[in-house]
N, C-alpha and C. Protein backbone atom coordinates (compact mmCIF):
# COMPACT_ATOMS: atom_id res chain seq x y z
N UNK A 1 17.63 31.57 13.97
CA UNK A 1 17.75 30.38 15.36
C UNK A 1 18.06 30.66 16.64
N UNK A 2 17.82 31.90 16.46
CA UNK A 2 17.24 32.88 18.37
C UNK A 2 16.06 32.20 18.77
N UNK A 3 14.97 32.59 17.50
CA UNK A 3 13.78 32.64 18.36
C UNK A 3 13.13 30.57 17.95
N UNK A 4 13.97 30.28 17.53
CA UNK A 4 13.93 28.94 17.56
C UNK A 4 14.30 28.02 19.30
N UNK A 5 15.14 28.55 19.43
CA UNK A 5 15.99 28.20 20.93
C UNK A 5 15.53 28.62 21.94
N UNK A 6 14.60 29.88 21.68
CA UNK A 6 13.88 30.47 22.49
C UNK A 6 12.50 29.75 22.58
N UNK A 7 12.27 29.42 21.87
CA UNK A 7 10.96 27.97 21.70
C UNK A 7 10.91 27.40 22.41
N UNK A 8 12.11 26.54 22.07
CA UNK A 8 12.81 24.88 22.14
C UNK A 8 12.99 25.65 24.05
N UNK A 9 13.58 26.32 24.64
CA UNK A 9 13.90 26.78 25.92
C UNK A 9 12.46 26.48 26.45
N UNK A 10 11.34 27.45 25.96
CA UNK A 10 10.29 27.68 26.82
C UNK A 10 8.86 26.95 26.93
N UNK A 11 9.31 25.55 25.70
CA UNK A 11 9.03 24.17 25.99
C UNK A 11 9.64 23.55 26.80
N UNK A 12 11.01 23.64 26.94
CA UNK A 12 11.69 22.44 27.76
C UNK A 12 11.12 22.90 29.41
N UNK A 13 10.91 24.32 29.70
CA UNK A 13 10.38 24.87 31.23
C UNK A 13 9.10 23.77 31.36
N UNK A 14 8.16 24.16 30.58
CA UNK A 14 6.85 24.13 30.85
C UNK A 14 6.77 22.53 30.63
N UNK A 15 7.68 21.65 30.11
CA UNK A 15 7.50 20.20 30.26
C UNK A 15 8.02 20.21 31.49
N UNK A 16 9.05 20.56 32.03
CA UNK A 16 9.39 20.44 33.59
C UNK A 16 8.94 20.89 34.70
N UNK A 17 8.24 21.80 34.77
CA UNK A 17 6.45 22.35 35.32
C UNK A 17 5.29 21.56 35.09
N UNK A 18 4.96 20.49 34.26
CA UNK A 18 4.18 19.98 33.60
C UNK A 18 3.44 20.39 33.32
N UNK A 19 3.69 21.51 32.24
CA UNK A 19 2.82 21.50 31.88
C UNK A 19 2.19 21.26 30.19
N UNK A 20 1.40 21.16 29.35
CA UNK A 20 1.59 20.54 27.93
C UNK A 20 2.37 20.86 27.17
N UNK A 21 3.34 20.37 26.40
CA UNK A 21 4.08 21.12 25.60
C UNK A 21 3.31 20.79 24.01
N UNK A 22 4.10 21.22 22.67
CA UNK A 22 3.56 21.40 21.36
C UNK A 22 4.60 21.49 20.75
N UNK A 23 5.65 20.38 20.48
CA UNK A 23 6.79 21.06 20.03
C UNK A 23 6.83 20.90 18.45
N UNK A 24 7.12 21.95 17.45
CA UNK A 24 6.80 21.75 16.32
C UNK A 24 7.91 21.21 15.65
N UNK A 25 7.53 19.89 15.82
CA UNK A 25 8.47 18.47 15.37
C UNK A 25 8.69 18.48 13.62
N UNK A 26 7.46 18.74 13.05
CA UNK A 26 7.79 18.38 11.70
C UNK A 26 8.23 19.26 11.19
N UNK A 27 8.86 20.73 11.65
CA UNK A 27 9.79 21.59 10.61
C UNK A 27 10.78 21.74 11.95
N UNK A 28 10.83 21.55 13.24
CA UNK A 28 11.99 22.11 14.14
C UNK A 28 12.54 20.60 14.94
N UNK A 29 12.29 19.45 13.82
CA UNK A 29 13.15 18.58 14.55
C UNK A 29 14.51 18.54 14.51
N UNK A 30 15.24 18.97 13.80
CA UNK A 30 16.38 18.83 14.38
C UNK A 30 17.18 19.84 15.21
N UNK A 31 16.40 20.82 15.36
CA UNK A 31 17.01 21.87 16.15
C UNK A 31 16.49 20.79 17.56
N UNK A 32 15.68 20.54 18.03
CA UNK A 32 15.30 20.31 18.72
C UNK A 32 15.96 18.83 19.31
N UNK A 33 16.60 18.21 17.87
CA UNK A 33 17.86 16.97 18.56
C UNK A 33 19.21 17.78 18.93
N UNK A 34 18.83 18.46 18.49
CA UNK A 34 20.56 19.24 18.41
C UNK A 34 20.74 19.86 19.92
N UNK A 35 19.65 20.46 20.07
CA UNK A 35 19.18 21.18 21.88
C UNK A 35 19.66 19.64 22.85
N UNK A 36 18.21 18.68 22.91
CA UNK A 36 18.68 17.36 23.41
C UNK A 36 20.39 16.92 23.55
N UNK A 37 20.63 16.56 22.58
CA UNK A 37 22.16 16.09 22.40
C UNK A 37 22.83 16.87 23.24
N UNK A 38 23.07 18.19 23.22
CA UNK A 38 23.74 19.21 23.69
C UNK A 38 23.63 18.63 25.14
N UNK A 39 22.32 19.05 25.50
CA UNK A 39 22.02 19.18 27.08
C UNK A 39 21.96 17.33 27.27
N UNK A 40 22.01 16.50 26.71
CA UNK A 40 22.27 15.19 27.84
C UNK A 40 23.95 15.27 27.87
N UNK A 41 24.61 15.50 26.88
CA UNK A 41 26.35 15.12 26.89
C UNK A 41 26.60 16.22 27.64
N UNK A 42 26.19 17.29 28.02
CA UNK A 42 26.29 18.26 29.22
C UNK A 42 26.59 17.59 30.75
N UNK A 43 25.09 17.09 30.38
CA UNK A 43 24.65 16.71 32.26
C UNK A 43 25.05 15.32 31.88
N UNK A 44 25.99 14.56 31.07
CA UNK A 44 26.57 13.21 31.12
C UNK A 44 27.81 13.43 31.69
N UNK A 45 28.32 14.83 31.08
CA UNK A 45 29.40 14.61 31.62
C UNK A 45 29.48 15.38 33.12
N UNK A 46 28.86 15.87 33.28
CA UNK A 46 28.67 16.79 35.01
C UNK A 46 28.09 15.42 35.72
N UNK A 47 27.75 13.98 35.42
CA UNK A 47 27.41 13.16 36.37
C UNK A 47 28.53 12.15 36.78
N UNK A 48 29.37 12.29 35.74
CA UNK A 48 30.94 11.27 36.31
C UNK A 48 31.81 12.57 36.36
N UNK A 49 31.79 13.28 36.16
CA UNK A 49 33.15 14.61 36.69
C UNK A 49 34.24 13.89 37.79
N UNK A 50 33.41 13.99 38.90
CA UNK A 50 33.96 13.57 39.96
C UNK A 50 34.60 11.55 40.19
N UNK A 51 33.87 11.17 39.43
CA UNK A 51 33.82 9.20 39.52
C UNK A 51 35.20 8.86 39.31
N UNK A 52 35.69 8.90 40.34
CA UNK A 52 37.26 7.78 40.11
C UNK A 52 36.95 6.42 39.26
N UNK A 53 36.26 5.96 39.19
CA UNK A 53 36.13 4.51 38.46
C UNK A 53 35.20 4.86 36.98
N UNK A 54 35.24 6.10 36.80
CA UNK A 54 34.00 5.61 35.15
C UNK A 54 35.07 5.68 34.39
N UNK A 55 34.53 5.12 33.41
CA UNK A 55 35.62 5.22 32.11
C UNK A 55 35.91 6.35 31.07
N UNK A 56 36.45 6.04 30.08
CA UNK A 56 36.14 7.51 29.30
C UNK A 56 35.08 7.81 28.72
N UNK A 57 34.50 7.07 28.34
CA UNK A 57 33.50 6.91 27.71
C UNK A 57 32.26 7.86 28.54
N UNK A 58 32.40 7.61 29.38
CA UNK A 58 31.56 8.14 30.70
C UNK A 58 31.92 9.71 31.37
N UNK A 59 33.24 9.46 31.00
CA UNK A 59 33.12 11.13 31.60
C UNK A 59 33.26 12.08 30.07
N UNK A 60 33.54 11.48 28.96
CA UNK A 60 32.96 12.52 27.81
C UNK A 60 31.58 12.59 27.70
N UNK A 61 30.71 12.12 28.62
CA UNK A 61 29.32 12.36 28.41
C UNK A 61 28.34 11.03 27.60
N UNK A 62 29.10 10.07 26.87
CA UNK A 62 29.10 9.73 25.83
C UNK A 62 27.43 8.52 26.19
N UNK A 63 28.04 8.03 27.31
CA UNK A 63 27.18 7.49 28.18
C UNK A 63 25.83 7.48 28.17
N UNK A 64 25.73 8.78 28.42
CA UNK A 64 24.45 9.50 28.74
C UNK A 64 23.90 9.39 27.57
N UNK A 65 24.70 10.20 26.22
CA UNK A 65 23.85 9.99 25.08
C UNK A 65 23.27 9.07 24.69
N UNK A 66 24.18 7.72 24.66
CA UNK A 66 23.66 6.78 23.94
C UNK A 66 22.43 5.76 24.95
N UNK A 67 22.30 6.04 26.13
CA UNK A 67 21.20 5.80 27.12
C UNK A 67 20.00 6.64 26.73
N UNK A 68 19.92 7.63 26.46
CA UNK A 68 19.17 8.60 25.60
C UNK A 68 18.50 7.74 24.65
N UNK A 69 18.74 7.08 23.68
CA UNK A 69 18.57 6.97 22.10
C UNK A 69 18.18 5.18 22.99
N UNK A 70 18.93 4.53 23.74
CA UNK A 70 18.62 3.44 24.05
C UNK A 70 17.03 3.11 24.56
N UNK A 71 17.32 4.35 25.55
CA UNK A 71 15.71 4.35 26.58
C UNK A 71 14.63 4.56 25.08
N UNK A 72 14.45 5.39 24.48
CA UNK A 72 13.84 6.07 23.66
C UNK A 72 13.17 4.86 22.74
N UNK A 73 14.16 4.10 22.23
CA UNK A 73 14.33 2.94 21.55
C UNK A 73 13.00 1.73 22.18
N UNK A 74 13.87 1.82 23.46
CA UNK A 74 12.98 0.80 24.20
C UNK A 74 11.39 1.17 24.14
N UNK A 75 10.81 2.77 24.91
CA UNK A 75 9.63 3.35 24.96
C UNK A 75 9.09 3.20 24.00
N UNK A 76 9.91 3.46 22.87
CA UNK A 76 8.93 3.04 21.37
C UNK A 76 8.16 2.34 21.46
N UNK A 77 9.29 0.85 21.38
CA UNK A 77 9.18 -0.60 20.80
C UNK A 77 7.74 -0.74 22.25
N UNK A 78 8.08 -0.77 23.08
CA UNK A 78 6.64 -1.63 24.31
C UNK A 78 5.72 -1.03 24.41
N UNK A 79 5.68 0.40 23.71
CA UNK A 79 4.39 1.39 24.21
C UNK A 79 3.74 1.04 22.86
N UNK A 80 4.12 1.00 21.78
CA UNK A 80 3.81 1.02 20.22
C UNK A 80 2.30 -0.14 20.16
N UNK A 81 2.31 -1.10 20.81
CA UNK A 81 1.15 -1.67 20.83
C UNK A 81 -0.21 -1.61 21.50
N UNK A 82 0.16 -0.11 22.20
CA UNK A 82 -0.74 -0.07 22.84
C UNK A 82 -2.10 1.00 21.86
N UNK A 83 -1.23 1.07 21.06
CA UNK A 83 -1.66 2.23 19.78
C UNK A 83 -1.91 3.70 20.72
N UNK A 84 -0.60 4.04 21.36
CA UNK A 84 -1.21 5.99 21.93
C UNK A 84 -0.94 6.35 20.10
N UNK A 85 -1.46 7.77 20.79
CA UNK A 85 -1.60 8.70 20.05
C UNK A 85 -0.49 9.38 20.00
N UNK A 86 -0.03 10.03 18.16
CA UNK A 86 1.09 10.81 18.55
C UNK A 86 2.47 10.17 18.82
N UNK A 87 2.28 9.02 18.71
CA UNK A 87 3.56 7.51 18.48
C UNK A 87 4.13 7.79 17.47
N UNK A 88 5.81 8.44 17.63
CA UNK A 88 6.44 8.19 16.84
C UNK A 88 8.14 8.11 17.32
N UNK A 89 9.17 7.39 16.92
CA UNK A 89 10.25 7.56 17.19
C UNK A 89 10.43 8.93 17.69
N UNK A 90 10.49 9.85 16.69
CA UNK A 90 11.04 10.96 16.93
C UNK A 90 9.97 11.84 18.54
N UNK A 91 8.92 11.83 18.56
CA UNK A 91 8.98 12.10 19.47
C UNK A 91 9.00 11.84 21.00
N UNK A 92 8.99 10.42 21.13
CA UNK A 92 9.90 10.22 21.89
C UNK A 92 11.50 10.20 22.36
N UNK A 93 11.85 10.32 21.67
CA UNK A 93 13.11 10.76 21.89
C UNK A 93 13.71 12.42 21.82
N UNK A 94 12.75 12.99 21.49
CA UNK A 94 12.99 14.85 21.86
C UNK A 94 12.74 14.47 23.48
N UNK A 95 11.11 13.72 23.81
CA UNK A 95 10.99 13.88 25.03
C UNK A 95 11.94 13.45 25.83
N UNK A 96 12.24 12.20 25.79
CA UNK A 96 13.21 11.09 26.51
C UNK A 96 14.79 12.53 26.91
N UNK A 97 15.09 13.35 25.81
CA UNK A 97 15.89 13.96 25.70
C UNK A 97 15.58 15.42 26.96
N UNK A 98 14.49 15.62 26.29
CA UNK A 98 13.89 17.12 27.03
C UNK A 98 13.93 16.64 28.83
N UNK A 99 13.83 15.88 29.33
CA UNK A 99 13.98 15.04 30.56
C UNK A 99 15.13 15.23 31.35
N UNK A 100 16.02 15.09 29.91
CA UNK A 100 17.64 14.76 31.12
C UNK A 100 18.00 16.53 31.95
N UNK A 101 17.71 16.89 31.70
CA UNK A 101 17.77 18.26 32.13
C UNK A 101 18.18 18.68 34.05
N UNK A 102 17.03 18.29 34.97
CA UNK A 102 17.12 18.00 36.13
C UNK A 102 18.43 17.07 36.67
N UNK A 103 19.21 16.30 35.37
CA UNK A 103 20.35 15.52 36.05
C UNK A 103 21.10 16.25 36.34
N UNK A 104 21.24 17.69 36.04
CA UNK A 104 22.23 18.89 35.94
C UNK A 104 22.77 18.89 37.47
N UNK A 105 21.20 18.31 38.62
CA UNK A 105 21.88 18.64 40.01
C UNK A 105 23.16 17.94 40.57
N UNK A 106 23.37 16.51 39.59
CA UNK A 106 24.47 15.53 40.00
C UNK A 106 25.34 16.38 39.97
N UNK A 107 25.72 17.35 38.96
CA UNK A 107 26.71 17.70 38.91
C UNK A 107 27.89 19.00 39.68
N UNK A 108 26.77 19.09 40.90
CA UNK A 108 27.03 20.62 41.37
C UNK A 108 28.19 19.81 42.59
N UNK A 109 29.24 20.13 42.71
CA UNK A 109 30.05 19.62 43.54
C UNK A 109 30.27 20.37 45.12
N UNK A 110 28.99 19.28 45.50
CA UNK A 110 29.03 19.71 47.00
C UNK A 110 29.97 19.19 48.12
N UNK A 111 30.88 18.24 47.91
CA UNK A 111 32.27 18.31 48.52
C UNK A 111 32.94 18.88 48.60
N UNK A 112 32.97 20.42 48.00
CA UNK A 112 33.81 21.34 48.29
C UNK A 112 32.81 22.23 49.29
N UNK A 113 31.60 22.03 49.62
CA UNK A 113 31.21 23.30 50.70
C UNK A 113 30.83 22.48 51.60
N UNK A 114 30.65 21.05 52.25
CA UNK A 114 30.05 20.28 53.34
C UNK A 114 30.57 18.88 52.89
N UNK A 115 30.48 18.64 54.33
CA UNK A 115 31.70 17.34 54.71
C UNK A 115 31.01 16.14 54.06
N UNK A 116 31.77 15.21 53.52
CA UNK A 116 31.91 14.51 52.11
C UNK A 116 30.36 13.27 52.46
N UNK A 117 30.36 12.95 53.94
CA UNK A 117 29.08 12.16 54.21
C UNK A 117 27.89 12.87 53.57
N UNK A 118 28.10 14.28 54.52
CA UNK A 118 26.94 14.59 53.90
C UNK A 118 26.12 14.97 52.44
N UNK A 119 27.72 15.59 51.90
CA UNK A 119 27.54 15.55 50.51
C UNK A 119 26.90 14.26 49.90
N UNK A 120 27.37 12.92 50.41
CA UNK A 120 26.82 11.73 49.79
C UNK A 120 25.48 11.50 50.04
N UNK A 121 25.20 12.06 51.37
CA UNK A 121 23.38 11.92 51.59
C UNK A 121 22.99 12.59 50.62
N UNK A 122 22.87 14.32 50.65
CA UNK A 122 22.45 14.87 49.31
C UNK A 122 22.47 14.42 48.18
N UNK A 123 23.78 13.77 47.83
CA UNK A 123 23.94 13.86 46.24
C UNK A 123 22.72 12.45 46.24
N UNK A 124 22.43 11.79 47.17
CA UNK A 124 21.98 10.18 47.10
C UNK A 124 20.53 10.54 46.94
N UNK A 125 20.28 11.65 47.85
CA UNK A 125 18.41 12.05 47.71
C UNK A 125 18.15 12.68 46.63
N UNK A 126 19.53 13.37 46.05
CA UNK A 126 19.15 14.25 44.66
C UNK A 126 18.59 13.32 43.71
N UNK A 127 19.85 11.89 43.33
CA UNK A 127 19.16 10.96 42.71
C UNK A 127 17.90 10.90 42.92
N UNK A 128 17.31 10.49 43.81
CA UNK A 128 16.02 9.92 44.14
C UNK A 128 15.03 10.87 43.43
N UNK A 129 14.90 12.20 43.76
CA UNK A 129 14.34 13.18 43.70
C UNK A 129 14.37 13.36 41.96
N UNK A 130 15.31 13.58 41.53
CA UNK A 130 15.76 13.50 39.73
C UNK A 130 15.01 12.19 39.27
N UNK A 131 14.98 10.92 39.70
CA UNK A 131 14.20 9.78 39.40
C UNK A 131 13.12 9.94 39.55
N UNK A 132 12.80 10.33 40.37
CA UNK A 132 10.90 10.44 40.73
C UNK A 132 10.48 11.56 39.83
N UNK A 133 10.99 12.89 39.81
CA UNK A 133 10.50 13.95 38.84
C UNK A 133 10.76 13.15 37.17
N UNK A 134 11.63 12.31 36.56
CA UNK A 134 11.53 12.07 35.11
C UNK A 134 10.41 11.42 35.43
N UNK A 135 10.15 10.34 36.31
CA UNK A 135 9.17 9.22 36.13
C UNK A 135 7.87 10.04 36.44
N UNK A 136 7.32 11.07 36.70
CA UNK A 136 6.35 11.82 37.01
C UNK A 136 6.49 12.32 35.63
N UNK A 137 7.25 12.79 35.12
CA UNK A 137 7.00 13.44 33.17
C UNK A 137 6.87 12.47 32.46
N UNK A 138 7.25 11.22 32.88
CA UNK A 138 6.82 10.35 31.73
C UNK A 138 5.27 9.97 31.69
N UNK A 139 4.75 10.20 32.96
CA UNK A 139 3.39 9.56 33.22
C UNK A 139 2.83 10.67 32.37
N UNK A 140 2.80 11.86 32.77
CA UNK A 140 2.23 13.06 32.71
C UNK A 140 2.60 13.06 31.01
N UNK A 141 3.79 12.98 30.05
CA UNK A 141 3.62 12.38 28.49
C UNK A 141 2.71 10.92 28.35
N UNK A 142 2.42 9.87 28.88
CA UNK A 142 1.86 9.46 28.39
C UNK A 142 0.23 9.90 28.81
N UNK A 143 -0.07 10.52 29.21
CA UNK A 143 -1.07 10.75 29.65
C UNK A 143 -1.87 12.43 28.88
N UNK A 144 -1.21 12.90 28.28
CA UNK A 144 -1.17 14.52 27.73
C UNK A 144 -0.90 14.26 26.51
N UNK A 145 0.09 13.75 25.59
CA UNK A 145 0.62 13.58 24.32
C UNK A 145 0.02 12.18 23.89
N UNK A 146 0.73 10.82 24.57
CA UNK A 146 0.07 9.74 23.92
C UNK A 146 -1.17 9.43 24.43
N UNK A 147 -1.94 10.35 25.14
CA UNK A 147 -3.76 9.86 25.43
C UNK A 147 -3.72 8.53 26.03
N UNK A 148 -3.06 7.77 26.39
CA UNK A 148 -3.57 7.18 27.73
C UNK A 148 -3.84 6.94 28.17
N UNK A 149 -4.81 6.11 28.90
CA UNK A 149 -5.52 6.46 30.26
C UNK A 149 -6.25 4.46 30.76
N UNK A 150 -6.17 4.76 31.87
CA UNK A 150 -7.02 3.67 32.56
C UNK A 150 -5.71 2.65 32.64
N UNK A 151 -6.22 1.71 32.11
CA UNK A 151 -5.16 0.16 32.55
C UNK A 151 -4.07 0.09 31.55
N UNK A 152 -4.22 1.13 30.60
CA UNK A 152 -3.23 1.22 29.42
C UNK A 152 -2.23 2.04 30.08
N UNK A 153 -2.72 3.28 30.28
CA UNK A 153 -1.82 4.05 31.33
C UNK A 153 -0.72 3.68 31.91
N UNK A 154 -1.48 2.79 32.68
CA UNK A 154 -0.72 1.80 34.39
C UNK A 154 -0.07 0.95 33.57
N UNK A 155 0.02 0.04 32.84
CA UNK A 155 0.86 -1.15 32.24
C UNK A 155 2.23 -0.07 31.39
N UNK A 156 1.68 0.91 30.37
CA UNK A 156 2.74 1.83 29.88
C UNK A 156 4.06 2.31 30.82
N UNK A 157 3.27 2.78 32.16
CA UNK A 157 4.22 3.10 33.59
C UNK A 157 5.00 2.25 33.61
N UNK A 158 4.59 1.29 34.08
CA UNK A 158 5.36 0.28 35.15
C UNK A 158 5.75 -1.08 33.99
N UNK A 159 5.65 -0.96 32.91
CA UNK A 159 6.62 -2.58 32.45
C UNK A 159 7.80 -1.90 31.78
N UNK A 160 8.07 -0.68 31.40
CA UNK A 160 9.63 0.00 31.04
C UNK A 160 10.26 -0.42 32.15
N UNK A 161 9.64 0.91 33.51
CA UNK A 161 10.39 0.58 34.96
C UNK A 161 10.40 -0.79 35.29
N UNK A 162 9.89 -1.29 35.20
CA UNK A 162 9.88 -2.82 35.99
C UNK A 162 11.01 -3.81 35.15
N UNK A 163 10.74 -3.70 34.17
CA UNK A 163 11.58 -3.83 33.09
C UNK A 163 13.17 -3.47 33.27
N UNK A 164 13.30 -2.38 33.51
CA UNK A 164 15.01 -2.24 33.19
C UNK A 164 15.34 -1.90 35.08
N UNK A 165 14.47 -1.70 35.81
CA UNK A 165 15.08 -2.43 37.11
C UNK A 165 15.67 -3.99 37.68
N UNK A 166 14.79 -4.81 36.79
CA UNK A 166 14.72 -5.87 36.82
C UNK A 166 15.90 -6.33 35.73
N UNK A 167 15.84 -6.21 35.12
CA UNK A 167 17.74 -5.84 34.16
C UNK A 167 19.18 -5.47 34.79
N UNK A 168 19.15 -3.97 35.64
CA UNK A 168 20.18 -3.74 36.51
C UNK A 168 20.10 -5.13 37.58
N UNK A 169 19.08 -5.30 38.25
CA UNK A 169 19.22 -6.22 39.32
C UNK A 169 19.82 -7.40 38.54
N UNK A 170 19.57 -7.99 38.14
CA UNK A 170 19.75 -9.20 37.30
C UNK A 170 21.62 -8.95 36.72
N UNK A 171 21.74 -7.72 36.66
CA UNK A 171 22.81 -8.28 36.15
C UNK A 171 24.00 -7.24 37.67
N UNK A 172 23.36 -6.91 38.48
CA UNK A 172 23.99 -6.98 39.64
C UNK A 172 24.42 -5.40 39.13
N UNK A 173 23.77 -4.49 38.88
CA UNK A 173 24.31 -3.33 38.31
C UNK A 173 23.62 -1.75 39.49
N UNK A 174 22.56 -1.99 40.13
CA UNK A 174 22.42 -1.43 40.66
C UNK A 174 23.18 -0.81 41.54
N UNK A 175 23.51 -1.34 42.15
CA UNK A 175 24.58 -0.86 43.51
C UNK A 175 25.62 0.15 42.56
N UNK A 176 26.51 -0.31 41.50
CA UNK A 176 27.26 0.33 40.60
C UNK A 176 26.90 1.69 40.79
N UNK A 177 25.09 1.34 40.26
CA UNK A 177 24.81 2.64 39.64
C UNK A 177 25.12 3.64 40.90
N UNK A 178 23.91 3.38 41.62
CA UNK A 178 23.67 3.89 42.64
C UNK A 178 25.15 4.70 43.29
N UNK A 179 25.98 4.26 43.64
CA UNK A 179 27.26 4.60 44.16
C UNK A 179 27.78 5.71 43.32
N UNK A 180 27.67 5.66 42.12
CA UNK A 180 28.68 6.52 40.98
C UNK A 180 27.70 7.51 41.41
N UNK A 181 26.13 7.34 41.07
CA UNK A 181 25.36 8.77 41.28
C UNK A 181 25.48 9.40 42.10
N UNK A 182 25.66 8.61 43.37
CA UNK A 182 25.55 9.49 44.55
C UNK A 182 26.77 10.23 45.23
N UNK A 183 27.92 9.71 44.74
CA UNK A 183 29.10 10.21 44.88
C UNK A 183 29.61 9.30 46.03
N UNK A 184 29.22 7.70 45.95
CA UNK A 184 29.81 7.27 47.24
C UNK A 184 31.15 6.21 46.85
N UNK A 185 31.83 6.77 45.41
CA UNK A 185 32.21 5.21 45.27
C UNK A 185 33.29 4.90 46.14
N UNK A 186 34.07 5.97 46.93
CA UNK A 186 34.88 4.78 47.83
C UNK A 186 34.51 4.66 49.15
N UNK A 187 32.89 4.95 49.92
CA UNK A 187 32.84 4.95 51.18
C UNK A 187 31.41 3.68 51.19
N UNK A 188 31.67 2.62 51.83
CA UNK A 188 30.55 1.58 51.41
C UNK A 188 29.54 1.65 52.02
N UNK A 189 29.58 2.16 53.51
CA UNK A 189 28.48 2.41 54.55
C UNK A 189 28.64 4.26 54.55
N UNK A 190 27.09 5.18 54.22
CA UNK A 190 27.23 6.36 54.34
C UNK A 190 25.40 6.63 54.61
N UNK A 191 25.88 8.22 54.79
CA UNK A 191 24.67 8.55 55.16
C UNK A 191 23.01 8.52 54.27
N UNK A 192 23.87 7.50 52.92
CA UNK A 192 22.53 7.27 52.08
C UNK A 192 22.52 5.88 51.85
N UNK A 193 22.44 5.26 52.98
CA UNK A 193 22.13 3.68 52.95
C UNK A 193 20.60 3.73 52.81
N UNK A 194 19.85 4.62 53.76
CA UNK A 194 18.22 4.70 53.48
C UNK A 194 17.98 5.27 52.11
N UNK A 195 18.53 6.04 51.76
CA UNK A 195 18.02 5.94 50.04
C UNK A 195 18.42 5.00 49.37
N UNK A 196 19.81 4.02 49.61
CA UNK A 196 19.62 2.71 48.94
C UNK A 196 18.99 1.78 49.15
N UNK A 197 18.47 2.02 50.53
CA UNK A 197 17.08 1.00 50.33
C UNK A 197 16.37 1.01 50.06
N UNK A 198 16.39 2.52 49.50
CA UNK A 198 14.54 2.35 48.66
C UNK A 198 14.55 1.83 46.97
N UNK A 199 16.45 1.77 46.70
CA UNK A 199 16.72 1.83 45.17
C UNK A 199 16.10 0.11 45.17
N UNK A 200 17.31 -0.72 46.37
CA UNK A 200 16.30 -2.40 46.54
C UNK A 200 14.83 -2.39 46.89
N UNK A 201 14.37 -1.56 47.68
CA UNK A 201 12.68 -2.01 47.33
C UNK A 201 12.52 -1.70 46.53
N UNK A 202 12.43 -1.26 45.18
CA UNK A 202 12.06 -0.77 44.00
C UNK A 202 12.87 -1.91 43.52
N UNK A 203 13.52 -2.72 43.30
CA UNK A 203 14.41 -3.49 42.18
C UNK A 203 12.97 -4.80 43.31
N UNK A 204 12.99 -5.29 44.14
CA UNK A 204 12.00 -5.80 44.53
C UNK A 204 10.76 -6.07 43.90
N UNK A 205 10.07 -4.63 44.66
CA UNK A 205 8.99 -4.71 43.54
C UNK A 205 8.53 -4.50 42.17
N UNK A 206 9.75 -4.45 41.33
CA UNK A 206 9.84 -4.92 40.05
C UNK A 206 9.62 -6.81 39.93
N UNK A 207 10.26 -7.37 40.29
CA UNK A 207 10.11 -8.54 40.07
C UNK A 207 8.79 -8.71 40.59
N UNK A 208 8.18 -8.52 41.31
CA UNK A 208 6.59 -8.96 41.82
C UNK A 208 5.86 -8.33 40.45
N UNK A 209 6.36 -6.87 40.20
CA UNK A 209 5.47 -6.08 39.27
C UNK A 209 5.57 -6.71 37.75
N UNK A 210 6.51 -6.89 37.70
CA UNK A 210 7.05 -7.30 35.81
C UNK A 210 6.17 -8.38 35.24
N UNK A 211 5.92 -9.96 36.58
CA UNK A 211 5.04 -10.60 35.37
C UNK A 211 3.90 -10.56 35.26
N UNK A 212 3.05 -9.80 35.92
CA UNK A 212 1.95 -9.23 36.19
C UNK A 212 1.34 -8.35 34.94
N UNK A 213 2.60 -7.18 35.02
CA UNK A 213 2.06 -6.46 34.05
C UNK A 213 2.53 -6.99 32.47
N UNK A 214 3.46 -8.05 32.43
CA UNK A 214 3.20 -8.53 31.10
C UNK A 214 1.98 -9.16 30.76
N UNK A 215 1.58 -9.80 31.85
CA UNK A 215 0.23 -10.31 31.57
C UNK A 215 -0.74 -9.35 30.79
N UNK A 216 -1.27 -8.32 31.34
CA UNK A 216 -2.15 -7.22 31.10
C UNK A 216 -2.21 -6.82 30.08
N UNK A 217 -0.61 -6.39 29.79
CA UNK A 217 0.47 -5.70 28.83
C UNK A 217 -0.29 -6.58 27.39
N UNK A 218 0.23 -8.08 27.64
CA UNK A 218 -0.23 -8.60 26.67
C UNK A 218 -1.95 -8.81 25.76
N UNK A 219 -2.40 -8.89 27.59
CA UNK A 219 -4.10 -8.91 27.00
C UNK A 219 -4.48 -7.66 26.60
N UNK A 220 -4.14 -6.88 26.76
CA UNK A 220 -4.64 -5.48 26.63
C UNK A 220 -3.98 -5.26 24.65
N UNK A 221 -3.00 -5.84 24.78
CA UNK A 221 -2.66 -5.62 22.82
C UNK A 221 -3.54 -6.62 22.24
N UNK A 222 -4.23 -8.00 22.79
CA UNK A 222 -4.85 -9.04 22.66
C UNK A 222 -6.48 -8.31 22.17
N UNK A 223 -7.08 -7.33 22.72
CA UNK A 223 -7.88 -6.61 22.93
C UNK A 223 -8.46 -5.43 22.11
N UNK A 224 -7.26 -4.99 21.94
CA UNK A 224 -6.84 -3.77 20.80
C UNK A 224 -6.70 -4.39 19.32
N UNK A 225 -6.08 -5.69 18.94
CA UNK A 225 -5.87 -6.36 17.72
C UNK A 225 -7.48 -6.83 17.64
N UNK A 226 -8.63 -7.18 18.32
CA UNK A 226 -9.77 -8.01 18.41
C UNK A 226 -10.45 -6.90 17.56
N UNK A 227 -10.50 -5.32 18.28
CA UNK A 227 -11.45 -4.36 17.76
C UNK A 227 -10.99 -3.96 16.63
N UNK A 228 -9.60 -3.97 16.03
CA UNK A 228 -9.10 -3.65 14.48
C UNK A 228 -9.63 -4.56 13.96
N UNK A 229 -9.51 -6.23 13.91
CA UNK A 229 -9.75 -7.01 13.23
C UNK A 229 -11.08 -7.16 12.57
């Protein structure tokens, strides 16, 4: 068991440093699954521990665990028609779980060490950093594990991100999510305004790119189906 945990931790660090990983899911899937569930659960609790507006299931970290399964399912279904290599739900689920660890930065109680406004600003930029890091890891995963290149890689990158941002924007959730993650639940105007402006910019960008990406996505599926017909 110790050897398995050591191996998993090494693979975790390798992924976060953008080194190609080769998890032995054929024999150790459940060990990896238990690991990512624990990490995602702990990070989920840390994400909301100081939020006065969080529901009980968020405080218990259940929201992050459920999101891990939702995101894995979304990525698996959306990318599968592009015929990537090594594409299984188990592989995608473990990858998504392994990218949860950087979010532990949200749990640092900065408010106890620096003024509230400064803490909120740092938290906001930490949110931007972690989100960018995880998106970059996703792109790395698509190239090194799934073997996607060129237009397929671009579509696989942009389509899920655009769809999620558009959905959040349509439900008017992006502001609430940002406030909780950045620790601004009680302050309407803080030093994190610039970071939040970036979130709004990305939402507008998603509305523009989603229809274009969908057209290219279905075109690529048509091409691949025609080749195999």
